[in-house]
Amino acid sequence: MLTAEPLDPDEFTARLRALSPRYWDRHPFHLRLHEGRLTKHELQLWAANRWYYQRAIPQKDAAILANCPDVEVRRVWRERIVWHDGSGPGEGGAENWLRLAEAVGLTREEVLDERHVLPGTRFAVDAYVTFARTRPWVEAVASGLTEMFSRGLMARRLVDMREHYPWIAEEGFTYFTTRLQVIADEGKSTLDIVVRNCRTREQQEAAVAALAFKCDVLRAVLDAVDYYS
């Protein structure tokens, strides 16, 4: 049986970018959010369930570090854990998401005890962490290439939420304002790592499948929130 030749870098990158329609920016819940049609309760349910995803990201990244034999990649990747967890109490992306949850009317206690986390959210996010722990490290890195699609959505969300939900205190948007400062560079770095380390067609196809899986994880979270809201 003949093995397919690997795609050249441009073709491979195009295959990855072609998955953008599967990203969650077109999900009906996100469309209602950006149009200002969510109730306060719906915003709270979204924030509490998105928290479960946010707090799992450093665990996913730690799994990548544990599986990755390349010291140069590890040096780059460990900064992501620091960004989310912070270097001390009261710092980091996860802390900033908690501030958003508080800004939409939730208490820190009810977010941290996860009483509002839906079964579908828990199943999807746990599957994502398990994927990072059990699949080859470069596939786990490729799953994070949703960063290629997220900057535009995040910038638009910041504008739309400020306009349609003026009762949310500005401090609640700190997660988005700080994330926008780093996401473009992270997306390029992630893509470079994946393209450089997927040397065979099999590895390239696995990377495309990993990114598709991550898109499905994100949409599954919104499916759960949309259904229960």
C-alpha atoms as a PDB file:
ATOM      1  CA  MET A   1       0.000   0.000   0.000  1.00  0.00           C
ATOM      2  CA  LEU A   2       1.436   3.371  -1.036  1.00  0.00           C
ATOM      3  CA  THR A   3       1.741   6.071   1.595  1.00  0.00           C
ATOM      4  CA  ALA A   4       0.446   9.484   0.562  1.00  0.00           C
ATOM      5  CA  GLU A   5       3.036  12.197   0.217  1.00  0.00           C
ATOM      6  CA  PRO A   6       2.944  14.874   2.897  1.00  0.00           C
ATOM      7  CA  LEU A   7       1.254  18.138   2.024  1.00  0.00           C
ATOM      8  CA  ASP A   8       3.521  21.105   1.563  1.00  0.00           C
ATOM      9  CA  PRO A   9       3.323  23.703   4.379  1.00  0.00           C
ATOM     10  CA  ASP A  10       0.933  25.986   2.501  1.00  0.00           C
ATOM     11  CA  GLU A  11      -1.428  23.142   1.600  1.00  0.00           C
ATOM     12  CA  PHE A  12      -1.331  21.811   5.146  1.00  0.00           C
ATOM     13  CA  THR A  13      -2.047  25.245   6.588  1.00  0.00           C
ATOM     14  CA  ALA A  14      -4.935  25.685   4.160  1.00  0.00           C
ATOM     15  CA  ARG A  15      -6.448  22.366   5.299  1.00  0.00           C
ATOM     16  CA  LEU A  16      -6.317  23.562   8.894  1.00  0.00           C
ATOM     17  CA  ARG A  17      -7.767  26.986   8.133  1.00  0.00           C
ATOM     18  CA  ALA A  18     -10.557  25.382   6.102  1.00  0.00           C
ATOM     19  CA  LEU A  19     -12.059  24.178   9.377  1.00  0.00           C
ATOM     20  CA  SER A  20     -13.059  27.723  10.353  1.00  0.00           C
ATOM     21  CA  PRO A  21     -16.778  27.080   9.554  1.00  0.00           C
ATOM     22  CA  ARG A  22     -16.800  24.492  12.360  1.00  0.00           C
ATOM     23  CA  TYR A  23     -15.671  27.063  14.930  1.00  0.00           C
ATOM     24  CA  TRP A  24     -18.243  28.191  17.468  1.00  0.00           C
ATOM     25  CA  ASP A  25     -18.544  31.776  16.238  1.00  0.00           C
ATOM     26  CA  ARG A  26     -21.568  30.788  14.120  1.00  0.00           C
ATOM     27  CA  HIS A  27     -23.347  28.927  16.908  1.00  0.00           C
ATOM     28  CA  PRO A  28     -26.915  30.222  17.530  1.00  0.00           C
ATOM     29  CA  PHE A  29     -26.108  30.976  21.168  1.00  0.00           C
ATOM     30  CA  HIS A  30     -23.128  33.138  20.221  1.00  0.00           C
ATOM     31  CA  LEU A  31     -25.225  34.909  17.609  1.00  0.00           C
ATOM     32  CA  ARG A  32     -27.828  35.799  20.242  1.00  0.00           C
ATOM     33  CA  LEU A  33     -25.083  36.910  22.620  1.00  0.00           C
ATOM     34  CA  HIS A  34     -23.643  39.299  20.045  1.00  0.00           C
ATOM     35  CA  GLU A  35     -27.063  40.610  19.100  1.00  0.00           C
ATOM     36  CA  GLY A  36     -27.825  41.476  22.726  1.00  0.00           C
ATOM     37  CA  ARG A  37     -30.668  38.975  23.006  1.00  0.00           C
ATOM     38  CA  LEU A  38     -29.484  37.039  26.051  1.00  0.00           C
ATOM     39  CA  THR A  39     -31.113  37.422  29.426  1.00  0.00           C
ATOM     40  CA  LYS A  40     -29.041  37.932  32.532  1.00  0.00           C
ATOM     41  CA  HIS A  41     -29.684  34.319  33.508  1.00  0.00           C
ATOM     42  CA  GLU A  42     -28.432  33.105  30.140  1.00  0.00           C
ATOM     43  CA  LEU A  43     -25.265  35.177  30.478  1.00  0.00           C
ATOM     44  CA  GLN A  44     -24.718  33.707  33.924  1.00  0.00           C
ATOM     45  CA  LEU A  45     -25.173  30.147  32.684  1.00  0.00           C
ATOM     46  CA  TRP A  46     -22.738  30.847  29.847  1.00  0.00           C
ATOM     47  CA  ALA A  47     -20.131  32.355  32.171  1.00  0.00           C
ATOM     48  CA  ALA A  48     -20.372  29.501  34.685  1.00  0.00           C
ATOM     49  CA  ASN A  49     -20.059  26.807  32.027  1.00  0.00           C
ATOM     50  CA  ARG A  50     -17.298  28.602  30.155  1.00  0.00           C
ATOM     51  CA  TRP A  51     -15.451  28.736  33.494  1.00  0.00           C
ATOM     52  CA  TYR A  52     -15.264  24.950  33.489  1.00  0.00           C
ATOM     53  CA  TYR A  53     -13.510  25.136  30.130  1.00  0.00           C
ATOM     54  CA  GLN A  54     -11.224  27.985  31.212  1.00  0.00           C
ATOM     55  CA  ARG A  55     -10.046  26.233  34.327  1.00  0.00           C
ATOM     56  CA  ALA A  56      -9.273  23.056  32.318  1.00  0.00           C
ATOM     57  CA  ILE A  57      -6.976  24.814  29.839  1.00  0.00           C
ATOM     58  CA  PRO A  58      -3.894  24.768  32.111  1.00  0.00           C
ATOM     59  CA  GLN A  59      -4.489  21.067  32.757  1.00  0.00           C
ATOM     60  CA  LYS A  60      -4.573  20.484  29.001  1.00  0.00           C
ATOM     61  CA  ASP A  61      -1.392  22.474  28.553  1.00  0.00           C
ATOM     62  CA  ALA A  62       0.322  20.621  31.397  1.00  0.00           C
ATOM     63  CA  ALA A  63      -0.512  17.340  29.661  1.00  0.00           C
ATOM     64  CA  ILE A  64       1.142  18.634  26.499  1.00  0.00           C
ATOM     65  CA  LEU A  65       4.260  19.546  28.474  1.00  0.00           C
ATOM     66  CA  ALA A  66       4.346  16.121  30.095  1.00  0.00           C
ATOM     67  CA  ASN A  67       4.179  14.357  26.725  1.00  0.00           C
ATOM     68  CA  CYS A  68       6.482  16.652  24.744  1.00  0.00           C
ATOM     69  CA  PRO A  69      10.165  15.638  24.415  1.00  0.00           C
ATOM     70  CA  ASP A  70      11.159  18.880  22.656  1.00  0.00           C
ATOM     71  CA  VAL A  71      12.664  21.320  25.148  1.00  0.00           C
ATOM     72  CA  GLU A  72      12.206  24.296  22.832  1.00  0.00           C
ATOM     73  CA  VAL A  73       8.485  23.597  22.516  1.00  0.00           C
ATOM     74  CA  ARG A  74       8.207  23.134  26.278  1.00  0.00           C
ATOM     75  CA  ARG A  75       9.848  26.507  26.894  1.00  0.00           C
ATOM     76  CA  VAL A  76       7.254  28.169  24.696  1.00  0.00           C
ATOM     77  CA  TRP A  77       4.304  26.182  25.954  1.00  0.00           C
ATOM     78  CA  ARG A  78       4.836  26.590  29.684  1.00  0.00           C
ATOM     79  CA  GLU A  79       4.120  30.321  29.352  1.00  0.00           C
ATOM     80  CA  ARG A  80       0.528  29.429  28.535  1.00  0.00           C
ATOM     81  CA  ILE A  81       0.049  27.842  31.928  1.00  0.00           C
ATOM     82  CA  VAL A  82       1.434  30.933  33.607  1.00  0.00           C
ATOM     83  CA  TRP A  83      -0.912  33.146  31.577  1.00  0.00           C
ATOM     84  CA  HIS A  84      -3.983  31.202  32.673  1.00  0.00           C
ATOM     85  CA  ASP A  85      -3.001  30.372  36.252  1.00  0.00           C
ATOM     86  CA  GLY A  86      -1.015  33.524  36.975  1.00  0.00           C
ATOM     87  CA  SER A  87       2.169  33.718  39.022  1.00  0.00           C
ATOM     88  CA  GLY A  88       0.294  34.231  42.262  1.00  0.00           C
ATOM     89  CA  PRO A  89      -3.147  34.664  43.836  1.00  0.00           C
ATOM     90  CA  GLY A  90      -5.417  37.132  42.061  1.00  0.00           C
ATOM     91  CA  GLU A  91      -3.572  36.862  38.737  1.00  0.00           C
ATOM     92  CA  GLY A  92      -4.075  35.127  35.405  1.00  0.00           C
ATOM     93  CA  GLY A  93      -6.684  34.507  32.766  1.00  0.00           C
ATOM     94  CA  ALA A  94      -8.732  32.171  34.945  1.00  0.00           C
ATOM     95  CA  GLU A  95      -8.943  34.850  37.638  1.00  0.00           C
ATOM     96  CA  ASN A  96     -10.089  37.358  35.027  1.00  0.00           C
ATOM     97  CA  TRP A  97     -12.838  35.000  33.915  1.00  0.00           C
ATOM     98  CA  LEU A  98     -14.032  34.775  37.510  1.00  0.00           C
ATOM     99  CA  ARG A  99     -14.270  38.571  37.511  1.00  0.00           C
ATOM    100  CA  LEU A 100     -16.480  38.388  34.432  1.00  0.00           C
ATOM    101  CA  ALA A 101     -18.693  35.833  36.182  1.00  0.00           C
ATOM    102  CA  GLU A 102     -18.992  38.188  39.148  1.00  0.00           C
ATOM    103  CA  ALA A 103     -19.743  41.090  36.814  1.00  0.00           C
ATOM    104  CA  VAL A 104     -22.761  39.244  35.367  1.00  0.00           C
ATOM    105  CA  GLY A 105     -24.105  38.604  38.864  1.00  0.00           C
ATOM    106  CA  LEU A 106     -22.673  35.272  39.991  1.00  0.00           C
ATOM    107  CA  THR A 107     -20.816  34.793  43.244  1.00  0.00           C
ATOM    108  CA  ARG A 108     -17.288  33.443  43.152  1.00  0.00           C
ATOM    109  CA  GLU A 109     -18.382  30.567  45.391  1.00  0.00           C
ATOM    110  CA  GLU A 110     -21.092  29.294  43.038  1.00  0.00           C
ATOM    111  CA  VAL A 111     -18.716  29.407  40.070  1.00  0.00           C
ATOM    112  CA  LEU A 112     -15.897  27.622  41.859  1.00  0.00           C
ATOM    113  CA  ASP A 113     -18.121  24.863  43.256  1.00  0.00           C
ATOM    114  CA  GLU A 114     -19.391  24.274  39.692  1.00  0.00           C
ATOM    115  CA  ARG A 115     -23.029  23.929  40.694  1.00  0.00           C
ATOM    116  CA  HIS A 116     -24.125  25.402  37.359  1.00  0.00           C
ATOM    117  CA  VAL A 117     -21.886  23.260  35.141  1.00  0.00           C
ATOM    118  CA  LEU A 118     -24.050  21.199  32.814  1.00  0.00           C
ATOM    119  CA  PRO A 119     -23.455  17.493  32.076  1.00  0.00           C
ATOM    120  CA  GLY A 120     -22.801  18.186  28.399  1.00  0.00           C
ATOM    121  CA  THR A 121     -20.192  20.800  29.268  1.00  0.00           C
ATOM    122  CA  ARG A 122     -18.468  18.532  31.752  1.00  0.00           C
ATOM    123  CA  PHE A 123     -18.411  15.620  29.299  1.00  0.00           C
ATOM    124  CA  ALA A 124     -17.004  17.704  26.425  1.00  0.00           C
ATOM    125  CA  VAL A 125     -14.322  19.493  28.452  1.00  0.00           C
ATOM    126  CA  ASP A 126     -13.204  16.339  30.247  1.00  0.00           C
ATOM    127  CA  ALA A 127     -12.917  14.611  26.862  1.00  0.00           C
ATOM    128  CA  TYR A 128     -10.673  17.444  25.685  1.00  0.00           C
ATOM    129  CA  VAL A 129      -8.313  17.089  28.658  1.00  0.00           C
ATOM    130  CA  THR A 130      -8.239  13.310  28.179  1.00  0.00           C
ATOM    131  CA  PHE A 131      -7.404  13.841  24.502  1.00  0.00           C
ATOM    132  CA  ALA A 132      -4.410  15.983  25.449  1.00  0.00           C
ATOM    133  CA  ARG A 133      -3.218  13.398  27.953  1.00  0.00           C
ATOM    134  CA  THR A 134      -3.532  10.367  25.717  1.00  0.00           C
ATOM    135  CA  ARG A 135      -2.798  11.496  22.160  1.00  0.00           C
ATOM    136  CA  PRO A 136       0.626  12.403  20.713  1.00  0.00           C
ATOM    137  CA  TRP A 137       1.654  15.834  21.942  1.00  0.00           C
ATOM    138  CA  VAL A 138       1.621  17.455  18.503  1.00  0.00           C
ATOM    139  CA  GLU A 139      -2.008  16.427  18.018  1.00  0.00           C
ATOM    140  CA  ALA A 140      -2.875  18.054  21.326  1.00  0.00           C
ATOM    141  CA  VAL A 141      -1.067  21.194  20.201  1.00  0.00           C
ATOM    142  CA  ALA A 142      -2.948  21.115  16.871  1.00  0.00           C
ATOM    143  CA  SER A 143      -6.254  20.954  18.711  1.00  0.00           C
ATOM    144  CA  GLY A 144      -5.450  24.393  20.103  1.00  0.00           C
ATOM    145  CA  LEU A 145      -5.337  25.940  16.645  1.00  0.00           C
ATOM    146  CA  THR A 146      -8.804  27.330  17.238  1.00  0.00           C
ATOM    147  CA  GLU A 147      -6.620  30.321  18.201  1.00  0.00           C
ATOM    148  CA  MET A 148      -6.427  31.011  14.464  1.00  0.00           C
ATOM    149  CA  PHE A 149     -10.142  31.738  14.443  1.00  0.00           C
ATOM    150  CA  SER A 150     -10.704  33.305  17.852  1.00  0.00           C
ATOM    151  CA  ARG A 151      -9.171  36.773  17.729  1.00  0.00           C
ATOM    152  CA  GLY A 152     -11.807  38.257  15.457  1.00  0.00           C
ATOM    153  CA  LEU A 153     -14.602  36.727  17.509  1.00  0.00           C
ATOM    154  CA  MET A 154     -13.136  38.009  20.763  1.00  0.00           C
ATOM    155  CA  ALA A 155     -12.682  41.546  19.451  1.00  0.00           C
ATOM    156  CA  ARG A 156     -16.259  41.580  18.167  1.00  0.00           C
ATOM    157  CA  ARG A 157     -17.549  40.179  21.454  1.00  0.00           C
ATOM    158  CA  LEU A 158     -15.884  42.963  23.407  1.00  0.00           C
ATOM    159  CA  VAL A 159     -17.566  45.614  21.254  1.00  0.00           C
ATOM    160  CA  ASP A 160     -20.958  43.930  21.224  1.00  0.00           C
ATOM    161  CA  MET A 161     -21.101  43.127  24.930  1.00  0.00           C
ATOM    162  CA  ARG A 162     -20.146  46.664  25.883  1.00  0.00           C
ATOM    163  CA  GLU A 163     -22.931  47.956  23.646  1.00  0.00           C
ATOM    164  CA  HIS A 164     -25.710  45.505  24.463  1.00  0.00           C
ATOM    165  CA  TYR A 165     -24.999  44.737  28.129  1.00  0.00           C
ATOM    166  CA  PRO A 166     -23.927  48.127  29.553  1.00  0.00           C
ATOM    167  CA  TRP A 167     -24.745  46.948  33.071  1.00  0.00           C
ATOM    168  CA  ILE A 168     -21.646  44.707  33.034  1.00  0.00           C
ATOM    169  CA  ALA A 169     -18.822  46.549  34.831  1.00  0.00           C
ATOM    170  CA  GLU A 170     -15.759  47.250  32.693  1.00  0.00           C
ATOM    171  CA  GLU A 171     -13.593  45.129  35.012  1.00  0.00           C
ATOM    172  CA  GLY A 172     -15.610  42.152  33.819  1.00  0.00           C
ATOM    173  CA  PHE A 173     -14.091  42.484  30.356  1.00  0.00           C
ATOM    174  CA  THR A 174     -10.482  42.200  31.549  1.00  0.00           C
ATOM    175  CA  TYR A 175     -10.227  38.619  30.315  1.00  0.00           C
ATOM    176  CA  PHE A 176     -10.961  39.727  26.748  1.00  0.00           C
ATOM    177  CA  THR A 177      -8.802  42.868  26.768  1.00  0.00           C
ATOM    178  CA  THR A 178      -5.760  40.993  28.082  1.00  0.00           C
ATOM    179  CA  ARG A 179      -6.305  37.935  25.904  1.00  0.00           C
ATOM    180  CA  LEU A 180      -6.453  40.038  22.760  1.00  0.00           C
ATOM    181  CA  GLN A 181      -2.910  41.214  23.504  1.00  0.00           C
ATOM    182  CA  VAL A 182      -1.428  37.714  23.231  1.00  0.00           C
ATOM    183  CA  ILE A 183      -3.708  35.586  21.088  1.00  0.00           C
ATOM    184  CA  ALA A 184      -2.347  36.570  17.671  1.00  0.00           C
ATOM    185  CA  ASP A 185       1.222  35.677  18.642  1.00  0.00           C
ATOM    186  CA  GLU A 186       0.106  32.444  20.291  1.00  0.00           C
ATOM    187  CA  GLY A 187      -1.841  31.409  17.211  1.00  0.00           C
ATOM    188  CA  LYS A 188       1.149  31.928  14.935  1.00  0.00           C
ATOM    189  CA  SER A 189       3.453  30.105  17.349  1.00  0.00           C
ATOM    190  CA  THR A 190       1.062  27.155  17.573  1.00  0.00           C
ATOM    191  CA  LEU A 191       0.706  26.917  13.807  1.00  0.00           C
ATOM    192  CA  ASP A 192       4.491  27.029  13.362  1.00  0.00           C
ATOM    193  CA  ILE A 193       4.944  24.202  15.862  1.00  0.00           C
ATOM    194  CA  VAL A 194       2.323  22.019  14.174  1.00  0.00           C
ATOM    195  CA  VAL A 195       3.573  22.595  10.623  1.00  0.00           C
ATOM    196  CA  ARG A 196       7.173  21.978  11.665  1.00  0.00           C
ATOM    197  CA  ASN A 197       6.483  18.781  13.578  1.00  0.00           C
ATOM    198  CA  CYS A 198       3.889  17.096  11.360  1.00  0.00           C
ATOM    199  CA  ARG A 199       6.297  15.630   8.840  1.00  0.00           C
ATOM    200  CA  THR A 200       4.218  12.788   7.423  1.00  0.00           C
ATOM    201  CA  ARG A 201       0.809  12.802   5.744  1.00  0.00           C
ATOM    202  CA  GLU A 202      -0.505  10.636   8.557  1.00  0.00           C
ATOM    203  CA  GLN A 203       0.584  13.184  11.147  1.00  0.00           C
ATOM    204  CA  GLN A 204      -0.913  16.003   9.108  1.00  0.00           C
ATOM    205  CA  GLU A 205      -4.257  14.246   8.798  1.00  0.00           C
ATOM    206  CA  ALA A 206      -4.223  13.542  12.536  1.00  0.00           C
ATOM    207  CA  ALA A 207      -3.598  17.236  13.217  1.00  0.00           C
ATOM    208  CA  VAL A 208      -6.544  18.242  11.030  1.00  0.00           C
ATOM    209  CA  ALA A 209      -8.729  15.714  12.863  1.00  0.00           C
ATOM    210  CA  ALA A 210      -7.522  17.072  16.217  1.00  0.00           C
ATOM    211  CA  LEU A 211      -8.544  20.607  15.299  1.00  0.00           C
ATOM    212  CA  ALA A 212     -11.932  19.355  14.093  1.00  0.00           C
ATOM    213  CA  PHE A 213     -12.363  17.552  17.423  1.00  0.00           C
ATOM    214  CA  LYS A 214     -11.600  20.745  19.359  1.00  0.00           C
ATOM    215  CA  CYS A 215     -14.150  22.673  17.301  1.00  0.00           C
ATOM    216  CA  ASP A 216     -16.706  19.994  18.187  1.00  0.00           C
ATOM    217  CA  VAL A 217     -15.791  20.275  21.878  1.00  0.00           C
ATOM    218  CA  LEU A 218     -16.432  24.019  21.853  1.00  0.00           C
ATOM    219  CA  ARG A 219     -19.727  23.674  20.015  1.00  0.00           C
ATOM    220  CA  ALA A 220     -20.824  20.912  22.401  1.00  0.00           C
ATOM    221  CA  VAL A 221     -20.364  23.307  25.319  1.00  0.00           C
ATOM    222  CA  LEU A 222     -22.612  25.867  23.644  1.00  0.00           C
ATOM    223  CA  ASP A 223     -25.103  23.162  22.647  1.00  0.00           C
ATOM    224  CA  ALA A 224     -25.509  22.322  26.328  1.00  0.00           C
ATOM    225  CA  VAL A 225     -25.856  25.944  27.411  1.00  0.00           C
ATOM    226  CA  ASP A 226     -28.235  26.712  24.552  1.00  0.00           C
ATOM    227  CA  TYR A 227     -30.473  23.758  25.375  1.00  0.00           C
ATOM    228  CA  TYR A 228     -30.751  24.504  29.082  1.00  0.00           C
ATOM    229  CA  SER A 229     -31.121  28.244  28.659  1.00  0.00           C
END
